[in-house]
Amino acid sequence: MTPIGRTSRQSVTLGLVPVSPDAARSLALSLPEAVEQDHHGQPSFRVGDKIFATLWSDERMNVMVDEGGVRTAVHRAPDACEEVWWGKRLAAVGVTLARADRELLEELLADAWEHKAPRRLTADR
């Protein structure tokens, strides 16, 4: 059932605590050897000099999971996640922070980090 005054695309899951931009930043930086650097005026989060996420705006984080991860996230949380294409390549999942829960974003960031991290960091995971 859609709450009164909202479209189904804007529906809110009961108990959902939106992720703030500061919380999203903290989650990204909590991963081993993650650092924040500017990327064309936007904060990017990197491991081993490879970007695994960008804080595109205060409302949205792009997380660089693989194609299967993007499709799974969009299927799992269509109100919070959308495909991000760069040219003809499905490159990331765009996460609307106000519609995402912490657990979802944490999982996506961990997957993206693992995909980009040097082998020496992922051997024990």
PDB file of N, CA and C in Angstrom:
ATOM      1  N   MET A   1       0.846  -1.175   0.000  1.00  0.00           N
ATOM      2  CA  MET A   1       0.000   0.000   0.000  1.00  0.00           C
ATOM      3  C   MET A   1       0.895   1.242   0.000  1.00  0.00           C
ATOM      4  N   THR A   2       0.562   2.177  -0.829  1.00  0.00           N
ATOM      5  CA  THR A   2       1.336   3.415  -0.932  1.00  0.00           C
ATOM      6  C   THR A   2       0.812   4.447   0.060  1.00  0.00           C
ATOM      7  N   PRO A   3       1.703   5.072   0.837  1.00  0.00           N
ATOM      8  CA  PRO A   3       1.243   6.113   1.759  1.00  0.00           C
ATOM      9  C   PRO A   3       0.516   7.225   1.008  1.00  0.00           C
ATOM     10  N   ILE A   4      -0.435   7.829   1.666  1.00  0.00           N
ATOM     11  CA  ILE A   4      -1.213   8.908   1.072  1.00  0.00           C
ATOM     12  C   ILE A   4      -0.281  10.036   0.632  1.00  0.00           C
ATOM     13  N   GLY A   5      -0.503  10.530  -0.581  1.00  0.00           N
ATOM     14  CA  GLY A   5       0.280  11.653  -1.084  1.00  0.00           C
ATOM     15  C   GLY A   5       1.605  11.255  -1.706  1.00  0.00           C
ATOM     16  N   ARG A   6       1.871   9.969  -1.813  1.00  0.00           N
ATOM     17  CA  ARG A   6       3.123   9.532  -2.431  1.00  0.00           C
ATOM     18  C   ARG A   6       2.814   8.627  -3.611  1.00  0.00           C
ATOM     19  N   THR A   7       3.673   8.671  -4.610  1.00  0.00           N
ATOM     20  CA  THR A   7       3.560   7.725  -5.705  1.00  0.00           C
ATOM     21  C   THR A   7       4.274   6.455  -5.280  1.00  0.00           C
ATOM     22  N   SER A   8       4.072   5.360  -5.981  1.00  0.00           N
ATOM     23  CA  SER A   8       4.724   4.109  -5.610  1.00  0.00           C
ATOM     24  C   SER A   8       6.240   4.246  -5.696  1.00  0.00           C
ATOM     25  N   ARG A   9       6.760   5.055  -6.602  1.00  0.00           N
ATOM     26  CA  ARG A   9       8.205   5.270  -6.729  1.00  0.00           C
ATOM     27  C   ARG A   9       8.759   5.975  -5.496  1.00  0.00           C
ATOM     28  N   GLN A  10       7.927   6.697  -4.782  1.00  0.00           N
ATOM     29  CA  GLN A  10       8.366   7.440  -3.611  1.00  0.00           C
ATOM     30  C   GLN A  10       8.021   6.728  -2.306  1.00  0.00           C
ATOM     31  N   SER A  11       7.494   5.514  -2.397  1.00  0.00           N
ATOM     32  CA  SER A  11       7.057   4.860  -1.171  1.00  0.00           C
ATOM     33  C   SER A  11       8.226   4.635  -0.228  1.00  0.00           C
ATOM     34  N   VAL A  12       7.911   4.639   1.037  1.00  0.00           N
ATOM     35  CA  VAL A  12       8.928   4.504   2.068  1.00  0.00           C
ATOM     36  C   VAL A  12       8.681   3.201   2.810  1.00  0.00           C
ATOM     37  N   THR A  13       9.724   2.413   2.981  1.00  0.00           N
ATOM     38  CA  THR A  13       9.622   1.181   3.725  1.00  0.00           C
ATOM     39  C   THR A  13       9.482   1.517   5.207  1.00  0.00           C
ATOM     40  N   LEU A  14       8.554   0.854   5.877  1.00  0.00           N
ATOM     41  CA  LEU A  14       8.388   1.097   7.311  1.00  0.00           C
ATOM     42  C   LEU A  14       9.684   0.753   8.019  1.00  0.00           C
ATOM     43  N   GLY A  15      10.099   1.603   8.927  1.00  0.00           N
ATOM     44  CA  GLY A  15      11.305   1.364   9.683  1.00  0.00           C
ATOM     45  C   GLY A  15      12.577   1.794   8.983  1.00  0.00           C
ATOM     46  N   LEU A  16      12.487   2.293   7.775  1.00  0.00           N
ATOM     47  CA  LEU A  16      13.663   2.722   7.038  1.00  0.00           C
ATOM     48  C   LEU A  16      14.252   3.969   7.674  1.00  0.00           C
ATOM     49  N   VAL A  17      15.538   3.902   7.956  1.00  0.00           N
ATOM     50  CA  VAL A  17      16.256   5.064   8.448  1.00  0.00           C
ATOM     51  C   VAL A  17      17.169   5.505   7.318  1.00  0.00           C
ATOM     52  N   PRO A  18      16.866   6.628   6.665  1.00  0.00           N
ATOM     53  CA  PRO A  18      17.669   7.060   5.521  1.00  0.00           C
ATOM     54  C   PRO A  18      19.132   7.249   5.901  1.00  0.00           C
ATOM     55  N   VAL A  19      19.989   7.062   4.932  1.00  0.00           N
ATOM     56  CA  VAL A  19      21.429   7.225   5.120  1.00  0.00           C
ATOM     57  C   VAL A  19      21.781   8.675   4.793  1.00  0.00           C
ATOM     58  N   SER A  20      22.433   9.350   5.715  1.00  0.00           N
ATOM     59  CA  SER A  20      22.872  10.729   5.469  1.00  0.00           C
ATOM     60  C   SER A  20      24.145  10.711   4.630  1.00  0.00           C
ATOM     61  N   PRO A  21      24.466  11.828   3.973  1.00  0.00           N
ATOM     62  CA  PRO A  21      25.732  11.891   3.227  1.00  0.00           C
ATOM     63  C   PRO A  21      26.940  11.630   4.131  1.00  0.00           C
ATOM     64  N   ASP A  22      26.907  12.126   5.366  1.00  0.00           N
ATOM     65  CA  ASP A  22      28.013  11.885   6.292  1.00  0.00           C
ATOM     66  C   ASP A  22      28.130  10.402   6.651  1.00  0.00           C
ATOM     67  N   ALA A  23      27.001   9.745   6.828  1.00  0.00           N
ATOM     68  CA  ALA A  23      27.021   8.311   7.128  1.00  0.00           C
ATOM     69  C   ALA A  23      27.534   7.521   5.928  1.00  0.00           C
ATOM     70  N   ALA A  24      27.121   7.909   4.722  1.00  0.00           N
ATOM     71  CA  ALA A  24      27.606   7.243   3.509  1.00  0.00           C
ATOM     72  C   ALA A  24      29.124   7.393   3.402  1.00  0.00           C
ATOM     73  N   ARG A  25      29.615   8.587   3.655  1.00  0.00           N
ATOM     74  CA  ARG A  25      31.065   8.855   3.632  1.00  0.00           C
ATOM     75  C   ARG A  25      31.770   7.970   4.662  1.00  0.00           C
ATOM     76  N   SER A  26      31.231   7.910   5.878  1.00  0.00           N
ATOM     77  CA  SER A  26      31.836   7.102   6.940  1.00  0.00           C
ATOM     78  C   SER A  26      31.867   5.620   6.583  1.00  0.00           C
ATOM     79  N   LEU A  27      30.792   5.132   5.987  1.00  0.00           N
ATOM     80  CA  LEU A  27      30.760   3.728   5.568  1.00  0.00           C
ATOM     81  C   LEU A  27      31.844   3.439   4.543  1.00  0.00           C
ATOM     82  N   ALA A  28      31.980   4.315   3.563  1.00  0.00           N
ATOM     83  CA  ALA A  28      33.004   4.118   2.532  1.00  0.00           C
ATOM     84  C   ALA A  28      34.400   4.155   3.133  1.00  0.00           C
ATOM     85  N   LEU A  29      34.629   5.108   4.024  1.00  0.00           N
ATOM     86  CA  LEU A  29      35.961   5.272   4.605  1.00  0.00           C
ATOM     87  C   LEU A  29      36.277   4.232   5.678  1.00  0.00           C
ATOM     88  N   SER A  30      35.293   3.473   6.111  1.00  0.00           N
ATOM     89  CA  SER A  30      35.536   2.437   7.116  1.00  0.00           C
ATOM     90  C   SER A  30      36.184   1.191   6.510  1.00  0.00           C
ATOM     91  N   LEU A  31      36.189   1.093   5.202  1.00  0.00           N
ATOM     92  CA  LEU A  31      36.791  -0.063   4.534  1.00  0.00           C
ATOM     93  C   LEU A  31      38.312   0.060   4.552  1.00  0.00           C
ATOM     94  N   PRO A  32      39.019  -1.059   4.625  1.00  0.00           N
ATOM     95  CA  PRO A  32      40.484  -1.015   4.739  1.00  0.00           C
ATOM     96  C   PRO A  32      41.156  -0.198   3.624  1.00  0.00           C
ATOM     97  N   GLU A  33      42.007   0.713   4.059  1.00  0.00           N
ATOM     98  CA  GLU A  33      42.814   1.564   3.182  1.00  0.00           C
ATOM     99  C   GLU A  33      42.008   2.444   2.231  1.00  0.00           C
ATOM    100  N   ALA A  34      40.727   2.637   2.525  1.00  0.00           N
ATOM    101  CA  ALA A  34      39.898   3.536   1.710  1.00  0.00           C
ATOM    102  C   ALA A  34      40.290   4.978   2.005  1.00  0.00           C
ATOM    103  N   VAL A  35      40.350   5.769   0.948  1.00  0.00           N
ATOM    104  CA  VAL A  35      40.656   7.192   1.081  1.00  0.00           C
ATOM    105  C   VAL A  35      39.658   7.984   0.251  1.00  0.00           C
ATOM    106  N   GLU A  36      39.500   9.243   0.627  1.00  0.00           N
ATOM    107  CA  GLU A  36      38.628  10.149  -0.113  1.00  0.00           C
ATOM    108  C   GLU A  36      39.489  11.105  -0.920  1.00  0.00           C
ATOM    109  N   GLN A  37      39.142  11.269  -2.207  1.00  0.00           N
ATOM    110  CA  GLN A  37      39.834  12.214  -3.085  1.00  0.00           C
ATOM    111  C   GLN A  37      38.811  12.886  -3.987  1.00  0.00           C
ATOM    112  N   ASP A  38      39.157  14.081  -4.421  1.00  0.00           N
ATOM    113  CA  ASP A  38      38.304  14.803  -5.362  1.00  0.00           C
ATOM    114  C   ASP A  38      38.284  14.077  -6.709  1.00  0.00           C
ATOM    115  N   HIS A  39      37.124  14.061  -7.320  1.00  0.00           N
ATOM    116  CA  HIS A  39      36.964  13.503  -8.671  1.00  0.00           C
ATOM    117  C   HIS A  39      36.027  14.431  -9.433  1.00  0.00           C
ATOM    118  N   HIS A  40      36.607  15.349 -10.187  1.00  0.00           N
ATOM    119  CA  HIS A  40      35.826  16.324 -10.961  1.00  0.00           C
ATOM    120  C   HIS A  40      34.867  17.117 -10.066  1.00  0.00           C
ATOM    121  N   GLY A  41      35.353  17.517  -8.896  1.00  0.00           N
ATOM    122  CA  GLY A  41      34.558  18.323  -7.990  1.00  0.00           C
ATOM    123  C   GLY A  41      33.654  17.543  -7.044  1.00  0.00           C
ATOM    124  N   GLN A  42      33.678  16.223  -7.137  1.00  0.00           N
ATOM    125  CA  GLN A  42      32.851  15.376  -6.277  1.00  0.00           C
ATOM    126  C   GLN A  42      33.769  14.483  -5.438  1.00  0.00           C
ATOM    127  N   PRO A  43      33.363  14.150  -4.212  1.00  0.00           N
ATOM    128  CA  PRO A  43      34.157  13.221  -3.417  1.00  0.00           C
ATOM    129  C   PRO A  43      34.126  11.823  -4.037  1.00  0.00           C
ATOM    130  N   SER A  44      35.291  11.220  -4.161  1.00  0.00           N
ATOM    131  CA  SER A  44      35.363   9.825  -4.592  1.00  0.00           C
ATOM    132  C   SER A  44      36.051   9.035  -3.495  1.00  0.00           C
ATOM    133  N   PHE A  45      35.753   7.751  -3.458  1.00  0.00           N
ATOM    134  CA  PHE A  45      36.323   6.864  -2.454  1.00  0.00           C
ATOM    135  C   PHE A  45      37.101   5.800  -3.198  1.00  0.00           C
ATOM    136  N   ARG A  46      38.362   5.653  -2.797  1.00  0.00           N
ATOM    137  CA  ARG A  46      39.295   4.822  -3.553  1.00  0.00           C
ATOM    138  C   ARG A  46      40.012   3.850  -2.646  1.00  0.00           C
ATOM    139  N   VAL A  47      40.435   2.776  -3.263  1.00  0.00           N
ATOM    140  CA  VAL A  47      41.335   1.831  -2.634  1.00  0.00           C
ATOM    141  C   VAL A  47      42.366   1.468  -3.690  1.00  0.00           C
ATOM    142  N   GLY A  48      43.636   1.565  -3.324  1.00  0.00           N
ATOM    143  CA  GLY A  48      44.689   1.283  -4.290  1.00  0.00           C
ATOM    144  C   GLY A  48      44.589   2.147  -5.538  1.00  0.00           C
ATOM    145  N   ASP A  49      44.189   3.393  -5.373  1.00  0.00           N
ATOM    146  CA  ASP A  49      44.045   4.362  -6.473  1.00  0.00           C
ATOM    147  C   ASP A  49      42.883   4.076  -7.429  1.00  0.00           C
ATOM    148  N   LYS A  50      42.016   3.146  -7.089  1.00  0.00           N
ATOM    149  CA  LYS A  50      40.855   2.831  -7.931  1.00  0.00           C
ATOM    150  C   LYS A  50      39.584   3.293  -7.224  1.00  0.00           C
ATOM    151  N   ILE A  51      38.725   3.968  -7.964  1.00  0.00           N
ATOM    152  CA  ILE A  51      37.465   4.468  -7.402  1.00  0.00           C
ATOM    153  C   ILE A  51      36.477   3.319  -7.235  1.00  0.00           C
ATOM    154  N   PHE A  52      35.923   3.207  -6.016  1.00  0.00           N
ATOM    155  CA  PHE A  52      34.866   2.215  -5.809  1.00  0.00           C
ATOM    156  C   PHE A  52      33.517   2.878  -5.532  1.00  0.00           C
ATOM    157  N   ALA A  53      33.511   4.195  -5.273  1.00  0.00           N
ATOM    158  CA  ALA A  53      32.244   4.914  -5.070  1.00  0.00           C
ATOM    159  C   ALA A  53      32.491   6.411  -5.195  1.00  0.00           C
ATOM    160  N   THR A  54      31.440   7.131  -5.545  1.00  0.00           N
ATOM    161  CA  THR A  54      31.479   8.597  -5.553  1.00  0.00           C
ATOM    162  C   THR A  54      30.238   9.109  -4.842  1.00  0.00           C
ATOM    163  N   LEU A  55      30.416  10.181  -4.105  1.00  0.00           N
ATOM    164  CA  LEU A  55      29.271  10.863  -3.500  1.00  0.00           C
ATOM    165  C   LEU A  55      28.863  11.924  -4.512  1.00  0.00           C
ATOM    166  N   TRP A  56      27.966  11.527  -5.407  1.00  0.00           N
ATOM    167  CA  TRP A  56      27.598  12.351  -6.556  1.00  0.00           C
ATOM    168  C   TRP A  56      26.938  13.649  -6.131  1.00  0.00           C
ATOM    169  N   SER A  57      26.151  13.562  -5.046  1.00  0.00           N
ATOM    170  CA  SER A  57      25.490  14.733  -4.462  1.00  0.00           C
ATOM    171  C   SER A  57      25.127  14.360  -3.030  1.00  0.00           C
ATOM    172  N   ASP A  58      24.528  15.288  -2.298  1.00  0.00           N
ATOM    173  CA  ASP A  58      24.085  14.968  -0.943  1.00  0.00           C
ATOM    174  C   ASP A  58      22.949  13.946  -0.953  1.00  0.00           C
ATOM    175  N   GLU A  59      22.345  13.754  -2.094  1.00  0.00           N
ATOM    176  CA  GLU A  59      21.218  12.827  -2.215  1.00  0.00           C
ATOM    177  C   GLU A  59      21.609  11.474  -2.787  1.00  0.00           C
ATOM    178  N   ARG A  60      22.778  11.378  -3.433  1.00  0.00           N
ATOM    179  CA  ARG A  60      23.067  10.165  -4.204  1.00  0.00           C
ATOM    180  C   ARG A  60      24.527   9.758  -4.131  1.00  0.00           C
ATOM    181  N   MET A  61      24.727   8.439  -4.004  1.00  0.00           N
ATOM    182  CA  MET A  61      26.058   7.852  -4.072  1.00  0.00           C
ATOM    183  C   MET A  61      26.058   6.847  -5.214  1.00  0.00           C
ATOM    184  N   ASN A  62      27.073   6.926  -6.069  1.00  0.00           N
ATOM    185  CA  ASN A  62      27.273   5.927  -7.114  1.00  0.00           C
ATOM    186  C   ASN A  62      28.286   4.922  -6.615  1.00  0.00           C
ATOM    187  N   VAL A  63      27.916   3.649  -6.695  1.00  0.00           N
ATOM    188  CA  VAL A  63      28.770   2.579  -6.194  1.00  0.00           C
ATOM    189  C   VAL A  63      29.130   1.663  -7.357  1.00  0.00           C
ATOM    190  N   MET A  64      30.429   1.464  -7.564  1.00  0.00           N
ATOM    191  CA  MET A  64      30.935   0.760  -8.729  1.00  0.00           C
ATOM    192  C   MET A  64      30.991  -0.752  -8.517  1.00  0.00           C
ATOM    193  N   VAL A  65      29.839  -1.378  -8.425  1.00  0.00           N
ATOM    194  CA  VAL A  65      29.778  -2.837  -8.375  1.00  0.00           C
ATOM    195  C   VAL A  65      29.729  -3.361  -9.807  1.00  0.00           C
ATOM    196  N   ASP A  66      29.922  -4.671  -9.967  1.00  0.00           N
ATOM    197  CA  ASP A  66      29.891  -5.241 -11.309  1.00  0.00           C
ATOM    198  C   ASP A  66      28.456  -5.256 -11.845  1.00  0.00           C
ATOM    199  N   GLU A  67      28.327  -5.616 -13.105  1.00  0.00           N
ATOM    200  CA  GLU A  67      27.021  -5.577 -13.769  1.00  0.00           C
ATOM    201  C   GLU A  67      25.969  -6.403 -13.033  1.00  0.00           C
ATOM    202  N   GLY A  68      26.344  -7.599 -12.592  1.00  0.00           N
ATOM    203  CA  GLY A  68      25.419  -8.442 -11.842  1.00  0.00           C
ATOM    204  C   GLY A  68      25.000  -7.789 -10.538  1.00  0.00           C
ATOM    205  N   GLY A  69      25.949  -7.126  -9.878  1.00  0.00           N
ATOM    206  CA  GLY A  69      25.651  -6.429  -8.635  1.00  0.00           C
ATOM    207  C   GLY A  69      24.699  -5.271  -8.836  1.00  0.00           C
ATOM    208  N   VAL A  70      24.871  -4.553  -9.943  1.00  0.00           N
ATOM    209  CA  VAL A  70      23.967  -3.443 -10.264  1.00  0.00           C
ATOM    210  C   VAL A  70      22.552  -3.976 -10.444  1.00  0.00           C
ATOM    211  N   ARG A  71      22.427  -5.007 -11.258  1.00  0.00           N
ATOM    212  CA  ARG A  71      21.093  -5.552 -11.543  1.00  0.00           C
ATOM    213  C   ARG A  71      20.434  -6.129 -10.287  1.00  0.00           C
ATOM    214  N   THR A  72      21.219  -6.778  -9.439  1.00  0.00           N
ATOM    215  CA  THR A  72      20.686  -7.327  -8.188  1.00  0.00           C
ATOM    216  C   THR A  72      20.205  -6.210  -7.271  1.00  0.00           C
ATOM    217  N   ALA A  73      20.985  -5.150  -7.140  1.00  0.00           N
ATOM    218  CA  ALA A  73      20.608  -4.025  -6.271  1.00  0.00           C
ATOM    219  C   ALA A  73      19.332  -3.358  -6.764  1.00  0.00           C
ATOM    220  N   VAL A  74      19.227  -3.153  -8.066  1.00  0.00           N
ATOM    221  CA  VAL A  74      18.038  -2.512  -8.636  1.00  0.00           C
ATOM    222  C   VAL A  74      16.815  -3.399  -8.419  1.00  0.00           C
ATOM    223  N   HIS A  75      16.989  -4.713  -8.572  1.00  0.00           N
ATOM    224  CA  HIS A  75      15.874  -5.637  -8.357  1.00  0.00           C
ATOM    225  C   HIS A  75      15.471  -5.678  -6.883  1.00  0.00           C
ATOM    226  N   ARG A  76      16.469  -5.678  -6.003  1.00  0.00           N
ATOM    227  CA  ARG A  76      16.231  -5.774  -4.554  1.00  0.00           C
ATOM    228  C   ARG A  76      15.604  -4.503  -3.983  1.00  0.00           C
ATOM    229  N   ALA A  77      16.053  -3.354  -4.464  1.00  0.00           N
ATOM    230  CA  ALA A  77      15.590  -2.074  -3.906  1.00  0.00           C
ATOM    231  C   ALA A  77      15.334  -1.067  -5.027  1.00  0.00           C
ATOM    232  N   PRO A  78      14.296  -1.280  -5.828  1.00  0.00           N
ATOM    233  CA  PRO A  78      14.053  -0.405  -6.976  1.00  0.00           C
ATOM    234  C   PRO A  78      13.725   1.040  -6.603  1.00  0.00           C
ATOM    235  N   ASP A  79      13.244   1.277  -5.403  1.00  0.00           N
ATOM    236  CA  ASP A  79      12.961   2.649  -4.972  1.00  0.00           C
ATOM    237  C   ASP A  79      14.235   3.399  -4.599  1.00  0.00           C
ATOM    238  N   ALA A  80      15.301   2.653  -4.284  1.00  0.00           N
ATOM    239  CA  ALA A  80      16.545   3.276  -3.823  1.00  0.00           C
ATOM    240  C   ALA A  80      17.671   3.210  -4.845  1.00  0.00           C
ATOM    241  N   CYS A  81      17.602   2.244  -5.765  1.00  0.00           N
ATOM    242  CA  CYS A  81      18.730   1.988  -6.669  1.00  0.00           C
ATOM    243  C   CYS A  81      18.329   2.116  -8.131  1.00  0.00           C
ATOM    244  N   GLU A  82      19.291   2.614  -8.920  1.00  0.00           N
ATOM    245  CA  GLU A  82      19.075   2.679 -10.363  1.00  0.00           C
ATOM    246  C   GLU A  82      20.388   2.427 -11.082  1.00  0.00           C
ATOM    247  N   GLU A  83      20.265   1.977 -12.320  1.00  0.00           N
ATOM    248  CA  GLU A  83      21.441   1.716 -13.138  1.00  0.00           C
ATOM    249  C   GLU A  83      22.123   3.023 -13.516  1.00  0.00           C
ATOM    250  N   VAL A  84      23.452   3.007 -13.528  1.00  0.00           N
ATOM    251  CA  VAL A  84      24.244   4.143 -13.990  1.00  0.00           C
ATOM    252  C   VAL A  84      25.056   3.659 -15.182  1.00  0.00           C
ATOM    253  N   TRP A  85      24.820   4.282 -16.310  1.00  0.00           N
ATOM    254  CA  TRP A  85      25.511   3.930 -17.557  1.00  0.00           C
ATOM    255  C   TRP A  85      26.525   5.010 -17.895  1.00  0.00           C
ATOM    256  N   TRP A  86      27.702   4.607 -18.325  1.00  0.00           N
ATOM    257  CA  TRP A  86      28.687   5.503 -18.909  1.00  0.00           C
ATOM    258  C   TRP A  86      28.889   5.020 -20.325  1.00  0.00           C
ATOM    259  N   GLY A  87      28.331   5.774 -21.259  1.00  0.00           N
ATOM    260  CA  GLY A  87      28.343   5.318 -22.646  1.00  0.00           C
ATOM    261  C   GLY A  87      27.496   4.074 -22.763  1.00  0.00           C
ATOM    262  N   LYS A  88      28.080   3.019 -23.304  1.00  0.00           N
ATOM    263  CA  LYS A  88      27.353   1.766 -23.488  1.00  0.00           C
ATOM    264  C   LYS A  88      27.641   0.769 -22.380  1.00  0.00           C
ATOM    265  N   ARG A  89      28.303   1.219 -21.321  1.00  0.00           N
ATOM    266  CA  ARG A  89      28.708   0.317 -20.239  1.00  0.00           C
ATOM    267  C   ARG A  89      27.893   0.575 -18.974  1.00  0.00           C
ATOM    268  N   LEU A  90      27.326  -0.503 -18.429  1.00  0.00           N
ATOM    269  CA  LEU A  90      26.654  -0.425 -17.139  1.00  0.00           C
ATOM    270  C   LEU A  90      27.755  -0.387 -16.090  1.00  0.00           C
ATOM    271  N   ALA A  91      27.946   0.773 -15.467  1.00  0.00           N
ATOM    272  CA  ALA A  91      29.154   1.010 -14.689  1.00  0.00           C
ATOM    273  C   ALA A  91      28.960   1.059 -13.185  1.00  0.00           C
ATOM    274  N   ALA A  92      27.756   1.339 -12.710  1.00  0.00           N
ATOM    275  CA  ALA A  92      27.565   1.527 -11.274  1.00  0.00           C
ATOM    276  C   ALA A  92      26.085   1.452 -10.936  1.00  0.00           C
ATOM    277  N   VAL A  93      25.831   1.416  -9.641  1.00  0.00           N
ATOM    278  CA  VAL A  93      24.465   1.550  -9.157  1.00  0.00           C
ATOM    279  C   VAL A  93      24.373   2.901  -8.456  1.00  0.00           C
ATOM    280  N   GLY A  94      23.377   3.686  -8.840  1.00  0.00           N
ATOM    281  CA  GLY A  94      23.111   4.957  -8.181  1.00  0.00           C
ATOM    282  C   GLY A  94      22.178   4.714  -7.010  1.00  0.00           C
ATOM    283  N   VAL A  95      22.608   5.088  -5.815  1.00  0.00           N
ATOM    284  CA  VAL A  95      21.826   4.845  -4.608  1.00  0.00           C
ATOM    285  C   VAL A  95      21.284   6.177  -4.096  1.00  0.00           C
ATOM    286  N   THR A  96      19.971   6.302  -4.061  1.00  0.00           N
ATOM    287  CA  THR A  96      19.326   7.478  -3.479  1.00  0.00           C
ATOM    288  C   THR A  96      19.347   7.294  -1.971  1.00  0.00           C
ATOM    289  N   LEU A  97      20.153   8.102  -1.296  1.00  0.00           N
ATOM    290  CA  LEU A  97      20.416   7.900   0.128  1.00  0.00           C
ATOM    291  C   LEU A  97      19.165   7.969   0.999  1.00  0.00           C
ATOM    292  N   ALA A  98      18.236   8.842   0.682  1.00  0.00           N
ATOM    293  CA  ALA A  98      17.022   8.981   1.481  1.00  0.00           C
ATOM    294  C   ALA A  98      16.117   7.755   1.386  1.00  0.00           C
ATOM    295  N   ARG A  99      16.342   6.930   0.370  1.00  0.00           N
ATOM    296  CA  ARG A  99      15.500   5.744   0.174  1.00  0.00           C
ATOM    297  C   ARG A  99      16.238   4.443   0.472  1.00  0.00           C
ATOM    298  N   ALA A 100      17.514   4.543   0.816  1.00  0.00           N
ATOM    299  CA  ALA A 100      18.319   3.353   1.059  1.00  0.00           C
ATOM    300  C   ALA A 100      18.490   3.128   2.550  1.00  0.00           C
ATOM    301  N   ASP A 101      18.633   1.871   2.927  1.00  0.00           N
ATOM    302  CA  ASP A 101      18.968   1.614   4.322  1.00  0.00           C
ATOM    303  C   ASP A 101      20.475   1.358   4.421  1.00  0.00           C
ATOM    304  N   ARG A 102      20.964   1.495   5.615  1.00  0.00           N
ATOM    305  CA  ARG A 102      22.399   1.384   5.882  1.00  0.00           C
ATOM    306  C   ARG A 102      22.953   0.025   5.446  1.00  0.00           C
ATOM    307  N   GLU A 103      22.218  -1.024   5.729  1.00  0.00           N
ATOM    308  CA  GLU A 103      22.677  -2.376   5.391  1.00  0.00           C
ATOM    309  C   GLU A 103      22.887  -2.537   3.886  1.00  0.00           C
ATOM    310  N   LEU A 104      21.954  -2.056   3.097  1.00  0.00           N
ATOM    311  CA  LEU A 104      22.082  -2.141   1.642  1.00  0.00           C
ATOM    312  C   LEU A 104      23.327  -1.393   1.165  1.00  0.00           C
ATOM    313  N   LEU A 105      23.496  -0.161   1.610  1.00  0.00           N
ATOM    314  CA  LEU A 105      24.643   0.631   1.173  1.00  0.00           C
ATOM    315  C   LEU A 105      25.946  -0.007   1.647  1.00  0.00           C
ATOM    316  N   GLU A 106      25.960  -0.512   2.853  1.00  0.00           N
ATOM    317  CA  GLU A 106      27.147  -1.178   3.398  1.00  0.00           C
ATOM    318  C   GLU A 106      27.547  -2.370   2.530  1.00  0.00           C
ATOM    319  N   GLU A 107      26.573  -3.179   2.134  1.00  0.00           N
ATOM    320  CA  GLU A 107      26.836  -4.350   1.287  1.00  0.00           C
ATOM    321  C   GLU A 107      27.368  -3.930  -0.085  1.00  0.00           C
ATOM    322  N   LEU A 108      26.734  -2.932  -0.679  1.00  0.00           N
ATOM    323  CA  LEU A 108      27.178  -2.476  -1.991  1.00  0.00           C
ATOM    324  C   LEU A 108      28.603  -1.923  -1.938  1.00  0.00           C
ATOM    325  N   LEU A 109      28.898  -1.114  -0.922  1.00  0.00           N
ATOM    326  CA  LEU A 109      30.240  -0.556  -0.790  1.00  0.00           C
ATOM    327  C   LEU A 109      31.274  -1.653  -0.567  1.00  0.00           C
ATOM    328  N   ALA A 110      30.953  -2.637   0.248  1.00  0.00           N
ATOM    329  CA  ALA A 110      31.889  -3.742   0.487  1.00  0.00           C
ATOM    330  C   ALA A 110      32.160  -4.515  -0.801  1.00  0.00           C
ATOM    331  N   ASP A 111      31.115  -4.765  -1.588  1.00  0.00           N
ATOM    332  CA  ASP A 111      31.291  -5.472  -2.860  1.00  0.00           C
ATOM    333  C   ASP A 111      32.152  -4.662  -3.825  1.00  0.00           C
ATOM    334  N   ALA A 112      31.874  -3.379  -3.928  1.00  0.00           N
ATOM    335  CA  ALA A 112      32.646  -2.514  -4.831  1.00  0.00           C
ATOM    336  C   ALA A 112      34.099  -2.412  -4.379  1.00  0.00           C
ATOM    337  N   TRP A 113      34.302  -2.249  -3.074  1.00  0.00           N
ATOM    338  CA  TRP A 113      35.654  -2.176  -2.519  1.00  0.00           C
ATOM    339  C   TRP A 113      36.426  -3.449  -2.852  1.00  0.00           C
ATOM    340  N   GLU A 114      35.789  -4.605  -2.620  1.00  0.00           N
ATOM    341  CA  GLU A 114      36.449  -5.885  -2.872  1.00  0.00           C
ATOM    342  C   GLU A 114      36.833  -6.051  -4.338  1.00  0.00           C
ATOM    343  N   HIS A 115      35.984  -5.567  -5.220  1.00  0.00           N
ATOM    344  CA  HIS A 115      36.240  -5.652  -6.667  1.00  0.00           C
ATOM    345  C   HIS A 115      37.438  -4.789  -7.078  1.00  0.00           C
ATOM    346  N   LYS A 116      37.661  -3.690  -6.387  1.00  0.00           N
ATOM    347  CA  LYS A 116      38.717  -2.738  -6.756  1.00  0.00           C
ATOM    348  C   LYS A 116      39.996  -2.877  -5.931  1.00  0.00           C
ATOM    349  N   ALA A 117      39.911  -3.492  -4.768  1.00  0.00           N
ATOM    350  CA  ALA A 117      41.050  -3.554  -3.849  1.00  0.00           C
ATOM    351  C   ALA A 117      42.166  -4.442  -4.378  1.00  0.00           C
ATOM    352  N   PRO A 118      43.411  -4.100  -4.023  1.00  0.00           N
ATOM    353  CA  PRO A 118      44.529  -4.971  -4.382  1.00  0.00           C
ATOM    354  C   PRO A 118      44.363  -6.345  -3.726  1.00  0.00           C
ATOM    355  N   ARG A 119      44.867  -7.341  -4.379  1.00  0.00           N
ATOM    356  CA  ARG A 119      44.725  -8.732  -3.909  1.00  0.00           C
ATOM    357  C   ARG A 119      45.217  -8.910  -2.464  1.00  0.00           C
ATOM    358  N   ARG A 120      46.277  -8.191  -2.089  1.00  0.00           N
ATOM    359  CA  ARG A 120      46.827  -8.330  -0.738  1.00  0.00           C
ATOM    360  C   ARG A 120      45.808  -7.961   0.340  1.00  0.00           C
ATOM    361  N   LEU A 121      44.821  -7.105  -0.008  1.00  0.00           N
ATOM    362  CA  LEU A 121      43.778  -6.717   0.937  1.00  0.00           C
ATOM    363  C   LEU A 121      42.604  -7.661   0.967  1.00  0.00           C
ATOM    364  N   THR A 122      42.385  -8.373  -0.118  1.00  0.00           N
ATOM    365  CA  THR A 122      41.195  -9.222  -0.213  1.00  0.00           C
ATOM    366  C   THR A 122      41.487 -10.684   0.076  1.00  0.00           C
ATOM    367  N   ALA A 123      42.742 -11.051   0.224  1.00  0.00           N
ATOM    368  CA  ALA A 123      43.122 -12.461   0.427  1.00  0.00           C
ATOM    369  C   ALA A 123      42.474 -13.055   1.673  1.00  0.00           C
ATOM    370  N   ASP A 124      42.323 -12.260   2.720  1.00  0.00           N
ATOM    371  CA  ASP A 124      41.766 -12.780   3.981  1.00  0.00           C
ATOM    372  C   ASP A 124      40.257 -12.626   4.086  1.00  0.00           C
ATOM    373  N   ARG A 125      39.616 -12.028   3.117  1.00  0.00           N
ATOM    374  CA  ARG A 125      38.171 -11.778   3.207  1.00  0.00           C
ATOM    375  C   ARG A 125      37.381 -12.946   2.723  1.00  0.00           C
TER     376      ARG A 125
END
